Protein backbone atom coordinates (compact mmCIF):
# COMPACT_ATOMS: atom_id res chain seq x y z
CA MET A 1 115.12 98.86 183.33
CA GLU A 2 111.56 99.71 184.34
CA ALA A 3 112.43 103.40 184.32
CA SER A 4 113.73 102.99 180.72
CA GLN A 5 110.62 101.31 179.55
CA GLU A 6 108.41 103.95 181.20
CA LYS A 7 110.42 106.71 179.47
CA SER A 8 110.04 104.94 176.09
CA LEU A 9 106.27 104.61 176.62
CA ASN A 10 106.03 108.33 177.46
CA LEU A 11 107.74 109.20 174.26
CA LYS A 12 105.57 106.93 172.11
CA LEU A 13 102.23 108.01 173.55
CA PRO A 14 102.08 111.48 171.82
CA VAL A 15 102.93 109.78 168.49
CA VAL A 16 100.10 107.30 168.90
CA LEU A 17 97.64 110.07 169.87
CA LEU A 18 98.73 112.14 166.79
CA LEU A 19 98.14 109.11 164.48
CA ILE A 20 94.65 108.44 165.98
CA ILE A 21 93.65 112.15 165.45
CA SER A 22 94.97 112.06 161.95
CA ILE A 23 92.93 109.02 161.04
CA LEU A 24 89.79 110.67 162.53
CA PHE A 25 90.28 113.57 160.10
CA LEU A 26 90.85 111.44 156.95
CA GLY A 27 88.14 111.32 154.34
CA GLY A 28 86.81 108.04 153.10
CA CYS A 29 87.65 108.37 149.34
CA GLY A 30 88.46 111.92 148.28
CA GLY A 31 86.73 112.75 144.92
CA LYS A 32 84.98 109.41 144.80
CA ARG A 33 82.19 109.20 142.30
CA GLU A 34 79.56 106.49 142.27
CA ALA A 35 79.15 104.50 139.00
CA ASP A 36 75.50 105.58 138.55
CA GLU A 37 76.62 109.25 138.77
CA LEU A 38 78.84 108.95 135.74
CA ALA A 39 78.20 109.36 132.01
CA TYR A 40 80.64 107.01 130.16
CA VAL A 41 82.09 108.84 127.22
CA LEU A 42 83.00 106.52 124.30
CA GLY A 43 83.87 109.08 121.61
CA ILE A 44 84.72 112.73 121.30
CA GLY A 45 84.50 114.83 118.03
CA ILE A 46 86.32 118.06 117.59
CA ASP A 47 85.39 120.68 114.95
CA LYS A 48 86.11 124.34 114.49
CA GLY A 49 83.42 126.43 116.10
CA LYS A 50 81.42 129.10 114.43
CA GLU A 51 83.12 131.82 116.48
CA GLU A 52 86.85 132.52 115.91
CA GLY A 53 89.01 130.65 118.42
CA THR A 54 86.24 128.25 119.52
CA TYR A 55 85.77 124.51 119.17
CA LEU A 56 82.55 122.61 118.49
CA VAL A 57 82.95 119.48 120.75
CA THR A 58 80.68 116.49 120.33
CA MET A 59 80.62 114.20 123.23
CA GLN A 60 79.07 110.69 122.82
CA THR A 61 78.28 108.81 125.96
CA ALA A 62 76.67 105.38 126.45
CA GLN A 63 74.43 104.43 129.39
CA PRO A 64 73.03 100.93 130.07
CA LYS A 65 69.35 100.76 129.40
CA SER A 66 67.00 99.94 132.18
CA SER A 67 65.42 96.75 130.96
CA GLY A 68 64.71 93.31 132.27
CA GLY A 69 66.25 91.57 129.35
CA GLY A 70 69.40 89.51 129.63
CA ALA A 71 71.46 91.20 126.88
CA ALA A 72 73.01 94.52 127.81
CA GLU A 73 71.79 97.50 125.75
CA LEU A 74 73.12 100.97 125.58
CA ASP A 75 71.46 104.34 125.24
CA ASN A 76 73.28 106.78 122.95
CA TRP A 77 73.52 110.17 124.53
CA THR A 78 75.19 112.66 122.15
CA ILE A 79 75.64 116.34 122.84
CA SER A 80 77.60 119.08 121.11
CA VAL A 81 78.84 122.32 122.70
CA GLU A 82 80.75 125.34 121.37
CA THR A 83 83.42 126.27 123.76
CA PRO A 84 86.63 128.28 123.76
CA SER A 85 88.64 125.40 125.30
CA LEU A 86 88.20 121.62 125.46
CA ALA A 87 88.82 121.63 129.27
CA THR A 88 85.48 123.55 129.67
CA THR A 89 83.53 120.97 127.75
CA THR A 90 82.74 118.86 130.81
CA GLU A 91 81.45 121.85 132.65
CA ARG A 92 79.11 122.84 129.73
CA VAL A 93 77.85 119.28 129.43
CA ALA A 94 77.14 119.07 133.12
CA GLU A 95 74.67 121.96 132.62
CA ALA A 96 72.53 119.64 130.41
CA PHE A 97 73.21 116.21 131.84
CA ASP A 98 72.39 114.91 135.24
CA LYS A 99 75.54 112.82 135.19
CA GLN A 100 79.24 113.65 135.27
CA PRO A 101 81.10 112.84 131.99
CA PHE A 102 83.86 110.33 132.58
CA ALA A 103 86.64 110.38 129.98
CA GLY A 104 88.47 107.27 131.10
CA THR A 105 86.23 105.22 128.77
CA VAL A 106 86.93 107.23 125.61
CA ARG A 107 87.96 104.89 122.79
CA VAL A 108 88.12 107.16 119.74
CA VAL A 109 88.64 110.96 119.01
CA VAL A 110 87.27 112.14 115.69
CA ILE A 111 88.86 115.28 114.21
CA GLY A 112 86.93 117.37 111.76
CA GLU A 113 88.48 118.05 108.33
CA GLU A 114 88.41 121.82 108.60
CA LEU A 115 90.09 121.77 112.10
CA ALA A 116 92.65 119.25 110.87
CA LYS A 117 93.65 121.63 108.01
CA SER A 118 94.00 124.61 110.45
CA GLY A 119 95.89 122.57 113.01
CA ILE A 120 95.08 120.04 115.74
CA ASN A 121 98.03 120.29 118.14
CA GLU A 122 96.49 122.80 120.45
CA ALA A 123 93.25 120.77 120.57
CA LEU A 124 95.14 117.65 121.51
CA ASP A 125 97.01 119.45 124.29
CA TYR A 126 94.09 118.74 126.70
CA PHE A 127 94.02 115.06 125.84
CA GLN A 128 97.67 114.58 126.72
CA ARG A 129 97.36 116.45 130.02
CA PHE A 130 94.14 115.35 131.55
CA TYR A 131 94.75 112.18 133.59
CA GLU A 132 91.48 110.50 132.55
CA PHE A 133 92.43 110.26 128.88
CA ARG A 134 94.44 107.23 127.86
CA ARG A 135 97.21 107.48 125.27
CA THR A 136 95.76 104.33 123.69
CA VAL A 137 92.79 106.38 122.39
CA TYR A 138 92.43 106.04 118.57
CA LEU A 139 92.57 109.08 116.32
CA VAL A 140 90.71 109.43 113.04
CA VAL A 141 90.04 112.38 110.71
CA ALA A 142 86.56 112.87 109.35
CA LYS A 143 85.90 113.78 105.75
CA GLY A 144 83.72 116.74 106.62
CA LYS A 145 82.50 117.43 110.23
CA ALA A 146 83.33 115.19 113.26
CA LYS A 147 79.91 115.99 114.62
CA GLU A 148 78.19 114.52 111.55
CA THR A 149 80.28 111.42 111.78
CA LEU A 150 79.30 110.81 115.46
CA GLU A 151 75.59 111.50 114.57
CA THR A 152 75.53 108.96 111.74
CA GLU A 153 72.40 106.85 111.89
CA LEU A 154 73.94 103.43 111.35
CA ARG A 155 71.96 100.58 109.80
CA THR A 156 73.06 98.40 112.66
CA ARG A 157 71.72 100.98 115.15
CA GLN A 158 75.10 100.80 116.87
CA ILE A 159 76.58 103.76 118.59
CA PRO A 160 78.92 105.34 115.98
CA SER A 161 81.93 105.75 118.33
CA LEU A 162 81.60 102.07 119.34
CA SER A 163 81.30 101.08 115.66
CA LEU A 164 84.49 103.01 114.90
CA PHE A 165 86.34 101.37 117.68
CA ASN A 166 85.23 97.89 116.64
CA THR A 167 86.28 98.61 112.99
CA ILE A 168 89.67 99.73 114.14
CA GLU A 169 90.09 96.81 116.38
CA GLY A 170 89.11 94.49 113.51
CA GLN A 171 91.80 96.08 111.36
CA LYS A 172 94.36 94.08 113.30
CA ARG A 173 93.12 91.13 111.22
CA GLN A 174 92.78 92.90 107.95
CA SER A 175 95.54 95.42 107.24
CA VAL A 176 93.96 98.13 104.95
CA PHE A 177 94.49 101.39 106.90
CA PRO A 178 96.85 102.65 109.54
CA ILE A 179 96.16 102.57 113.25
CA THR A 180 97.06 105.76 115.06
CA ARG A 181 96.77 106.05 118.78
CA LEU A 182 97.05 109.32 120.65
CA GLY A 183 100.45 108.31 122.16
CA HIS A 184 101.78 107.31 118.76
CA TYR A 185 100.87 110.58 117.13
CA LEU A 186 102.45 112.55 119.90
CA THR A 187 105.66 110.50 119.65
CA VAL A 188 105.93 110.92 115.94
CA LEU A 189 105.05 114.60 116.23
CA GLY A 190 108.23 115.02 118.30
CA ARG A 191 110.43 113.68 115.62
CA GLU A 192 112.14 115.73 112.96
CA SER A 193 112.49 112.62 110.81
CA GLN A 194 108.86 111.57 110.22
CA ASN A 195 105.41 112.99 109.49
CA PRO A 196 102.38 111.66 111.31
CA LEU A 197 99.61 109.69 109.48
CA ILE A 198 96.05 109.42 110.66
CA PRO A 199 93.25 107.32 108.93
CA LEU A 200 90.29 109.03 107.28
CA VAL A 201 86.72 108.27 108.02
CA GLU A 202 83.45 109.10 106.22
CA SER A 203 79.73 108.37 106.46
CA ILE A 204 78.37 106.57 103.31
CA LYS A 205 74.95 105.51 102.00
CA SER A 206 74.16 102.31 100.18
CA GLY A 207 75.74 102.33 96.77
CA GLU A 208 78.72 104.57 97.56
CA HIS A 209 82.27 103.11 97.28
CA GLY A 210 80.77 99.94 95.84
CA LEU A 211 79.08 98.99 99.19
CA PHE A 212 75.30 98.07 99.16
CA PHE A 213 73.06 97.26 102.09
CA LEU A 214 69.34 96.54 102.48
CA ASP A 215 68.27 99.82 104.28
CA GLU A 216 68.98 102.37 101.62
CA GLU A 217 68.25 105.25 104.06
CA ALA A 218 70.67 104.09 106.63
CA GLN A 219 74.36 104.77 106.65
CA GLU A 220 77.66 103.06 107.47
CA ILE A 221 81.00 104.52 108.61
CA LEU A 222 83.87 103.73 106.31
CA ILE A 223 87.53 104.03 107.38
CA HIS A 224 89.89 104.19 104.36
CA GLU A 225 92.66 106.22 103.01
CA SER A 226 94.82 108.44 105.31
CA ALA A 227 95.84 111.93 106.11
CA VAL A 228 99.37 113.29 106.23
CA PHE A 229 100.31 115.95 108.85
CA GLU A 230 103.08 118.47 109.01
CA ASP A 231 103.35 120.64 112.18
CA GLY A 232 99.94 119.46 113.24
CA LYS A 233 98.21 120.49 109.96
CA LEU A 234 96.60 118.15 107.40
CA MET A 235 98.73 118.73 104.31
CA ALA A 236 97.59 115.94 101.97
CA THR A 237 95.76 112.64 101.79
CA LEU A 238 96.82 109.23 100.53
CA ASN A 239 94.49 107.00 98.35
CA ASP A 240 94.05 103.35 99.25
CA GLN A 241 96.87 102.09 97.11
CA GLU A 242 99.34 104.62 98.69
CA THR A 243 98.15 103.80 102.17
CA LYS A 244 98.66 100.12 101.65
CA GLY A 245 102.17 100.88 100.35
CA TYR A 246 102.88 102.71 103.51
CA LEU A 247 101.64 99.71 105.63
CA TRP A 248 104.07 97.42 103.77
CA LEU A 249 107.04 99.73 104.22
CA ASP A 250 106.22 100.24 107.92
CA ASP A 251 105.88 96.53 108.63
CA GLU A 252 102.21 96.89 109.55
CA ILE A 253 100.71 94.18 107.23
CA GLN A 254 99.42 91.29 109.19
CA SER A 255 96.93 89.87 106.80
CA ARG A 256 95.08 91.09 103.78
CA ILE A 257 94.08 90.28 100.16
CA LEU A 258 96.49 90.76 97.18
CA GLU A 259 95.14 90.97 93.69
CA LYS A 260 96.99 91.06 90.38
CA GLY A 261 96.44 90.20 86.74
CA ASP A 262 99.13 89.49 84.00
CA GLY A 263 97.43 91.58 81.34
CA ASN A 264 96.50 88.56 79.27
CA GLY A 265 93.43 87.42 81.07
CA LEU A 266 95.03 85.58 84.11
CA LYS A 267 94.11 87.07 87.46
CA VAL A 268 95.00 85.80 90.89
CA THR A 269 94.02 86.83 94.39
CA ALA A 270 95.94 85.64 97.47
CA TRP A 271 95.47 85.95 101.19
CA VAL A 272 98.55 87.23 103.03
CA LEU A 273 99.04 84.85 105.96
CA SER A 274 102.04 86.70 107.41
CA SER A 275 104.65 89.24 106.37
CA LYS A 276 107.77 90.90 107.67
CA THR A 277 109.44 94.03 106.49
CA LYS A 278 113.00 94.92 107.30
CA TYR A 279 115.30 97.63 105.89
CA LYS A 280 118.95 98.46 105.21
CA VAL A 281 120.49 101.88 104.83
CA GLU A 282 123.13 101.36 102.22
CA ASN A 283 124.77 102.65 99.03
CA ILE A 284 122.34 102.41 96.14
CA GLU A 285 123.87 103.39 92.76
CA GLY A 286 126.55 105.50 94.28
CA LYS A 287 124.28 107.20 96.83
CA MET A 288 123.11 106.57 100.36
CA GLY A 289 119.59 105.08 100.11
CA ILE A 290 117.26 102.58 101.76
CA ARG A 291 116.52 99.07 100.76
CA PHE A 292 113.24 97.51 101.96
CA ILE A 293 113.31 93.76 102.39
CA ILE A 294 109.77 92.32 102.38
CA LYS A 295 108.86 88.64 102.95
CA ALA A 296 105.24 87.45 102.72
CA ASP A 297 103.60 84.01 102.99
CA VAL A 298 100.39 83.77 101.10
CA ALA A 299 97.62 81.28 100.25
CA ILE A 300 95.93 81.41 96.88
CA ASN A 301 92.23 82.38 97.17
CA GLU A 302 91.18 82.61 93.57
CA ILE A 303 92.54 82.02 90.02
CA MET A 304 90.67 83.34 87.00
CA GLY A 305 91.47 83.26 83.36
CA THR A 306 92.89 79.76 83.08
CA HIS A 307 91.02 76.49 82.27
CA GLU A 308 94.14 74.32 82.48
CA GLN A 309 93.81 71.00 84.32
CA MET A 310 96.87 70.69 86.59
CA ASP A 311 98.33 67.68 88.30
CA THR A 312 100.59 68.19 91.34
CA LYS A 313 103.78 68.70 89.25
CA ARG A 314 102.11 71.22 86.91
CA TRP A 315 100.67 73.07 89.95
CA GLN A 316 104.02 73.46 91.59
CA GLN A 317 105.35 74.90 88.32
CA PHE A 318 102.30 77.21 87.98
CA ALA A 319 102.72 78.43 91.52
CA GLU A 320 106.24 79.57 90.74
CA GLU A 321 104.78 81.44 87.79
CA LEU A 322 102.36 83.34 90.06
CA LYS A 323 104.97 84.55 92.44
CA PRO A 324 106.27 87.39 90.17
CA LEU A 325 102.72 88.69 89.82
CA LEU A 326 102.25 88.86 93.59
CA VAL A 327 105.71 90.37 94.02
CA GLN A 328 104.70 92.98 91.48
CA ALA A 329 101.41 93.72 93.36
CA ILE A 330 103.33 94.45 96.57
CA GLN A 331 106.03 96.57 94.85
CA GLU A 332 103.43 98.65 93.02
CA GLU A 333 101.81 99.64 96.24
CA CYS A 334 105.16 100.40 97.89
CA GLU A 335 106.28 102.45 94.82
CA ALA A 336 102.95 104.39 94.96
CA ALA A 337 103.63 105.42 98.59
CA VAL A 338 107.23 106.41 97.88
CA ALA A 339 106.25 108.43 94.89
CA LYS A 340 103.65 110.28 96.86
CA SER A 341 106.10 110.97 99.61
CA GLU A 342 108.56 112.38 97.11
CA LYS A 343 105.94 114.46 95.44
CA LEU A 344 104.65 115.96 98.69
CA GLU A 345 108.21 116.19 100.10
CA LEU A 346 106.74 114.84 103.35
CA ASP A 347 108.14 111.84 105.06
CA PHE A 348 105.16 109.87 106.30
CA ILE A 349 106.93 106.62 105.58
CA GLY A 350 109.65 107.43 108.18
CA ILE A 351 112.63 107.09 105.84
CA GLY A 352 114.40 109.84 107.81
CA ARG A 353 113.75 108.00 111.09
CA LYS A 354 115.10 104.83 109.65
CA ILE A 355 118.34 106.62 108.47
CA GLU A 356 118.51 108.27 111.91
CA ILE A 357 118.48 104.87 113.57
CA LYS A 358 120.89 103.08 111.28
CA LYS A 359 123.27 105.87 110.21
CA PRO A 360 122.95 108.69 112.86
CA LYS A 361 126.13 110.47 111.51
CA TYR A 362 124.69 110.60 108.05
CA TRP A 363 121.38 111.78 109.43
CA LYS A 364 123.00 114.70 111.11
CA GLU A 365 124.26 115.82 107.65
CA ILE A 366 120.97 115.69 105.89
CA LYS A 367 118.41 116.54 108.65
CA GLY A 368 118.50 120.26 107.87
CA SER A 369 116.86 119.57 104.55
CA TRP A 370 114.21 117.31 105.95
CA PRO A 371 111.43 116.40 105.03
CA GLN A 372 112.01 117.93 101.61
CA GLY A 373 115.19 115.90 101.24
CA VAL A 374 113.19 112.67 101.20
CA ALA A 375 112.88 113.05 97.43
CA ASP A 376 116.65 112.65 97.09
CA ILE A 377 116.94 109.31 98.86
CA PRO A 378 117.13 106.31 96.47
CA VAL A 379 114.70 103.50 97.37
CA ALA A 380 115.12 99.82 96.37
CA TYR A 381 113.11 96.68 97.11
CA ASP A 382 113.80 93.07 97.70
CA ILE A 383 110.43 91.28 97.82
CA GLU A 384 109.94 87.51 98.29
CA VAL A 385 106.59 85.78 98.16
CA SER A 386 106.11 82.23 99.34
CA ILE A 387 102.86 80.38 98.28
CA LYS A 388 102.06 78.05 101.10
CA HIS A 389 99.03 76.39 99.63
CA ALA A 390 96.26 76.70 97.05
CA GLY A 391 93.38 76.59 99.47
CA LEU A 392 91.24 73.42 99.34
CA ALA A 393 91.50 72.98 95.55
CA ARG A 394 94.13 72.88 92.91
CA ASN A 395 92.08 73.27 89.82
CA SER A 396 89.22 75.65 88.91
CA PRO A 397 85.67 74.37 88.48
CA VAL A 398 85.89 75.60 84.86
CA SER A 399 88.84 73.26 84.24
CA PRO A 400 87.95 70.31 81.95
CA GLN A 401 87.53 67.03 83.80
CA GLU A 402 89.86 64.27 82.82
CA ASN A 403 89.70 60.60 83.67
CA GLY A 404 92.71 58.31 84.02
CA ALA A 405 95.97 58.28 85.87
CA ASN A 406 97.15 61.58 84.43
CA GLY A 407 94.00 63.54 85.34
CA GLY A 408 94.37 66.22 87.98
CA SER A 409 92.10 66.55 90.93
CA HIS A 410 89.78 69.55 91.76
CA THR A 411 90.38 68.96 95.42
CA LEU A 412 93.70 68.46 97.12
CA GLN A 413 94.19 64.87 98.17
């Protein structure tokens, strides 16, 4: 028994010694970088360089200011370099900065318009390969140069890339432009049945696009409209109405304002409280098509053009009269998006993808003609609007006051 234990100990001893030696040669944290050695990159802009085959890359970093104040403040460090590849950008920036750029904090990538038209897929190759970049990074296309967008002197003095990020995050509460993340773009890019869509961004001054602010010399960054891509190239842009139509059809409306008039002076605006879009691939007028089923709950925000004093019964009747107007407002936006898709012969709505999911056999028959074949697919709509309430008042302040039991109330009781 003792001999057996001694033999076992002799066998284990070399293994233990080997483990001890291995531990002695292990480094503490390979490749570890201290926090104060890093430059935290918030945004990256990519433009075509002056020289053929080069990129002009703008890197926007933020560093905490050294101050004794309680609130955290950030210094905006922005630098642009011309480089033959995006991977060498960090090396070039290191020549000018005393800190190492860290891409794990990138929130938004701005693509210049000229580069977008010539093709962005090669430029994005680096972003999908380098481990520091997250696939949740937002993509936007600049009207003009990405460099100029990231160098915008905002009236709020906020760092432009941080302002872009906050605006996109806020879009989740106000659905007016599409949200495109790097991962989503790459996913759609791999489909034969859909064209990617990326929102457009531009720097504006006071008075442009109907927006005014106190400092007339300062600028704001506006995200509106969207860009349609085919094989990585910007092929066309959608206006605001077409973009909103796409959002309805792709079930991306969470909340927003609807506005519609009846042509006779009555005008109503409503706040979309919630919505849901479904679809069916079915026979429409003797041909395989797609039917979009949209349901929206709204609250009335504003009624103009009527001075009628309404009691509860009359209001309920009037609300029913408003529903067709709101249905029409939604359908007009959807029809604008579909008409643009058919005109461009580009399927940014994803009609082909929806057919592929619901009717895979039929998709195999028509995919050879896609996306041009999108123009041959009939589209129908079933839209239902439910008015949940009229806000805090039933009648307008311009409605005549009435006394007595039959008089309506300006406020809901």
